[in-house]
Amino acid sequence: MDRKDIRLSPDEEKEKVYEEIDKLHKQGKGVTTKAHKSGFPAITVDCQDIHILTDILSLEQWRAKTKQKERR
C-alpha cells in the first residue's frame, strides 16, 4: 500500500489531513494506526482512502489543541 508521507509537510497541511480523518472517524469509519518500521516517532494512519505516514508528535499536538477547543 502506498502512503503519502506528510512528516515534513507544514503543520497546516497535516492538520487538514487529521481533520478529514477525524471527520470520517466521527461518521463511524475505522481508523488504524501502527508504528512505522523506521521507528519512533513515525506512524502509519489508514482510514478509508486516506493512507499516510506521519509523526505521532504532531498528531498528538493537533489532538490536544482540538480537545482544548471542544472544551470551550
N, C-alpha and C. Protein backbone atom coordinates (compact mmCIF):
# COMPACT_ATOMS: atom_id res chain seq x y z
N MET A 1 0.85 -1.17 0.00
CA MET A 1 0.00 0.00 0.00
C MET A 1 0.89 1.24 0.00
N ASP A 2 0.59 2.17 -0.88
CA ASP A 2 1.33 3.43 -0.92
C ASP A 2 0.72 4.41 0.06
N ARG A 3 1.58 5.01 0.85
CA ARG A 3 1.13 6.03 1.81
C ARG A 3 1.78 7.36 1.47
N LYS A 4 1.03 8.41 1.68
CA LYS A 4 1.57 9.75 1.47
C LYS A 4 2.37 10.13 2.72
N ASP A 5 3.60 10.49 2.52
CA ASP A 5 4.48 10.88 3.62
C ASP A 5 4.28 12.37 3.89
N ILE A 6 3.67 12.69 5.04
CA ILE A 6 3.42 14.10 5.38
C ILE A 6 4.28 14.55 6.56
N ARG A 7 5.26 13.76 6.93
CA ARG A 7 6.08 14.10 8.09
C ARG A 7 6.75 15.47 7.98
N LEU A 8 7.16 15.85 6.78
CA LEU A 8 7.85 17.13 6.61
C LEU A 8 6.93 18.23 6.09
N SER A 9 5.65 17.93 5.97
CA SER A 9 4.68 18.93 5.50
C SER A 9 4.45 19.99 6.56
N PRO A 10 4.02 21.18 6.13
CA PRO A 10 3.69 22.23 7.11
C PRO A 10 2.55 21.77 8.02
N ASP A 11 2.53 22.30 9.24
CA ASP A 11 1.51 21.91 10.21
C ASP A 11 0.10 22.10 9.66
N GLU A 12 -0.12 23.18 8.91
CA GLU A 12 -1.46 23.45 8.37
C GLU A 12 -1.92 22.32 7.45
N GLU A 13 -1.01 21.80 6.65
CA GLU A 13 -1.36 20.71 5.74
C GLU A 13 -1.66 19.43 6.52
N LYS A 14 -0.84 19.15 7.53
CA LYS A 14 -1.06 17.98 8.36
C LYS A 14 -2.42 18.08 9.05
N GLU A 15 -2.73 19.25 9.58
CA GLU A 15 -3.98 19.43 10.30
C GLU A 15 -5.19 19.19 9.41
N LYS A 16 -5.12 19.58 8.15
CA LYS A 16 -6.22 19.33 7.22
C LYS A 16 -6.45 17.83 7.05
N VAL A 17 -5.37 17.09 6.94
CA VAL A 17 -5.48 15.63 6.80
C VAL A 17 -6.04 15.03 8.10
N TYR A 18 -5.53 15.46 9.24
CA TYR A 18 -6.01 14.95 10.53
C TYR A 18 -7.50 15.26 10.71
N GLU A 19 -7.92 16.45 10.29
CA GLU A 19 -9.33 16.82 10.42
C GLU A 19 -10.22 15.95 9.53
N GLU A 20 -9.75 15.63 8.33
CA GLU A 20 -10.51 14.76 7.45
C GLU A 20 -10.65 13.36 8.05
N ILE A 21 -9.57 12.86 8.61
CA ILE A 21 -9.61 11.55 9.27
C ILE A 21 -10.55 11.60 10.47
N ASP A 22 -10.49 12.66 11.25
CA ASP A 22 -11.37 12.82 12.42
C ASP A 22 -12.83 12.86 11.99
N LYS A 23 -13.12 13.55 10.91
CA LYS A 23 -14.48 13.63 10.38
C LYS A 23 -14.99 12.24 10.01
N LEU A 24 -14.16 11.47 9.31
CA LEU A 24 -14.55 10.11 8.93
C LEU A 24 -14.74 9.23 10.17
N HIS A 25 -13.85 9.40 11.14
CA HIS A 25 -13.96 8.62 12.39
C HIS A 25 -15.28 8.90 13.10
N LYS A 26 -15.67 10.16 13.14
CA LYS A 26 -16.93 10.53 13.79
C LYS A 26 -18.14 9.99 13.04
N GLN A 27 -17.95 9.64 11.76
CA GLN A 27 -19.02 9.02 10.96
C GLN A 27 -19.02 7.50 11.14
N GLY A 28 -18.13 7.00 11.98
CA GLY A 28 -18.09 5.58 12.25
C GLY A 28 -17.12 4.79 11.39
N LYS A 29 -16.31 5.47 10.63
CA LYS A 29 -15.32 4.79 9.79
C LYS A 29 -14.13 4.37 10.65
N GLY A 30 -13.57 3.22 10.35
CA GLY A 30 -12.45 2.71 11.12
C GLY A 30 -11.15 3.43 10.82
N VAL A 31 -10.37 3.61 11.85
CA VAL A 31 -9.05 4.23 11.72
C VAL A 31 -8.04 3.27 12.36
N THR A 32 -6.97 2.99 11.63
CA THR A 32 -5.91 2.15 12.20
C THR A 32 -4.61 2.93 12.19
N THR A 33 -3.85 2.74 13.25
CA THR A 33 -2.53 3.35 13.37
C THR A 33 -1.55 2.26 13.76
N LYS A 34 -0.33 2.38 13.25
CA LYS A 34 0.72 1.44 13.59
C LYS A 34 2.05 2.17 13.62
N ALA A 35 2.92 1.71 14.48
CA ALA A 35 4.28 2.24 14.47
C ALA A 35 4.92 1.88 13.13
N HIS A 36 5.62 2.81 12.55
CA HIS A 36 6.28 2.56 11.26
C HIS A 36 7.61 1.86 11.51
N LYS A 37 8.02 1.04 10.58
CA LYS A 37 9.26 0.27 10.73
C LYS A 37 10.50 1.13 10.89
N SER A 38 10.41 2.42 10.48
CA SER A 38 11.56 3.31 10.63
C SER A 38 11.77 3.73 12.08
N GLY A 39 10.77 3.52 12.91
CA GLY A 39 10.90 3.80 14.34
C GLY A 39 10.22 5.08 14.78
N PHE A 40 10.27 5.30 16.10
CA PHE A 40 9.65 6.47 16.72
C PHE A 40 10.23 7.72 16.11
N PRO A 41 9.45 8.72 15.84
CA PRO A 41 8.03 8.89 16.10
C PRO A 41 7.14 8.62 14.89
N ALA A 42 7.62 7.91 13.89
CA ALA A 42 6.85 7.69 12.67
C ALA A 42 5.73 6.67 12.87
N ILE A 43 4.55 6.99 12.37
CA ILE A 43 3.41 6.08 12.42
C ILE A 43 2.68 6.09 11.08
N THR A 44 1.95 5.01 10.83
CA THR A 44 1.07 4.97 9.67
C THR A 44 -0.35 5.14 10.17
N VAL A 45 -1.16 5.82 9.37
CA VAL A 45 -2.57 6.02 9.69
C VAL A 45 -3.36 5.68 8.44
N ASP A 46 -4.36 4.83 8.60
CA ASP A 46 -5.21 4.43 7.49
C ASP A 46 -6.67 4.62 7.87
N CYS A 47 -7.41 5.25 6.97
CA CYS A 47 -8.85 5.47 7.16
C CYS A 47 -9.48 5.65 5.78
N GLN A 48 -10.36 4.72 5.42
CA GLN A 48 -10.99 4.76 4.10
C GLN A 48 -9.91 4.84 3.02
N ASP A 49 -9.93 5.89 2.21
CA ASP A 49 -8.96 6.07 1.13
C ASP A 49 -7.75 6.91 1.55
N ILE A 50 -7.66 7.24 2.82
CA ILE A 50 -6.55 8.04 3.32
C ILE A 50 -5.51 7.10 3.93
N HIS A 51 -4.30 7.16 3.41
CA HIS A 51 -3.20 6.33 3.89
C HIS A 51 -1.98 7.23 3.99
N ILE A 52 -1.58 7.53 5.24
CA ILE A 52 -0.49 8.47 5.44
C ILE A 52 0.60 7.90 6.33
N LEU A 53 1.76 8.49 6.19
CA LEU A 53 2.89 8.29 7.09
C LEU A 53 3.11 9.64 7.74
N THR A 54 3.03 9.69 9.05
CA THR A 54 3.16 10.96 9.76
C THR A 54 3.95 10.72 11.05
N ASP A 55 4.04 11.74 11.84
CA ASP A 55 4.73 11.60 13.13
C ASP A 55 3.72 11.73 14.26
N ILE A 56 3.87 10.89 15.24
CA ILE A 56 2.93 10.86 16.36
C ILE A 56 2.94 12.17 17.15
N LEU A 57 4.06 12.86 17.16
CA LEU A 57 4.15 14.10 17.94
C LEU A 57 3.22 15.18 17.40
N SER A 58 3.20 15.37 16.08
CA SER A 58 2.31 16.40 15.52
C SER A 58 0.85 15.97 15.63
N LEU A 59 0.59 14.67 15.52
CA LEU A 59 -0.78 14.19 15.67
C LEU A 59 -1.28 14.40 17.09
N GLU A 60 -0.45 14.10 18.07
CA GLU A 60 -0.83 14.33 19.47
C GLU A 60 -1.01 15.81 19.76
N GLN A 61 -0.17 16.65 19.19
CA GLN A 61 -0.28 18.10 19.38
C GLN A 61 -1.60 18.60 18.80
N TRP A 62 -1.93 18.13 17.59
CA TRP A 62 -3.19 18.52 16.97
C TRP A 62 -4.38 18.06 17.82
N ARG A 63 -4.33 16.83 18.32
CA ARG A 63 -5.43 16.30 19.13
C ARG A 63 -5.61 17.10 20.41
N ALA A 64 -4.53 17.47 21.07
CA ALA A 64 -4.62 18.27 22.29
C ALA A 64 -5.25 19.62 22.01
N LYS A 65 -4.87 20.23 20.89
CA LYS A 65 -5.43 21.52 20.51
C LYS A 65 -6.93 21.38 20.20
N THR A 66 -7.30 20.31 19.54
CA THR A 66 -8.70 20.05 19.20
C THR A 66 -9.54 19.85 20.46
N LYS A 67 -9.02 19.06 21.39
CA LYS A 67 -9.75 18.83 22.65
C LYS A 67 -9.94 20.13 23.41
N GLN A 68 -8.92 20.98 23.40
CA GLN A 68 -9.00 22.25 24.12
C GLN A 68 -10.10 23.12 23.51
N LYS A 69 -10.21 23.14 22.19
CA LYS A 69 -11.26 23.91 21.52
C LYS A 69 -12.63 23.36 21.84
N GLU A 70 -12.76 22.03 21.94
CA GLU A 70 -14.04 21.41 22.23
C GLU A 70 -14.53 21.73 23.63
N ARG A 71 -13.61 21.94 24.55
CA ARG A 71 -13.98 22.25 25.94
C ARG A 71 -14.55 23.66 26.10
N ARG A 72 -14.24 24.51 25.16
CA ARG A 72 -14.67 25.92 25.27
C ARG A 72 -16.11 26.08 24.93
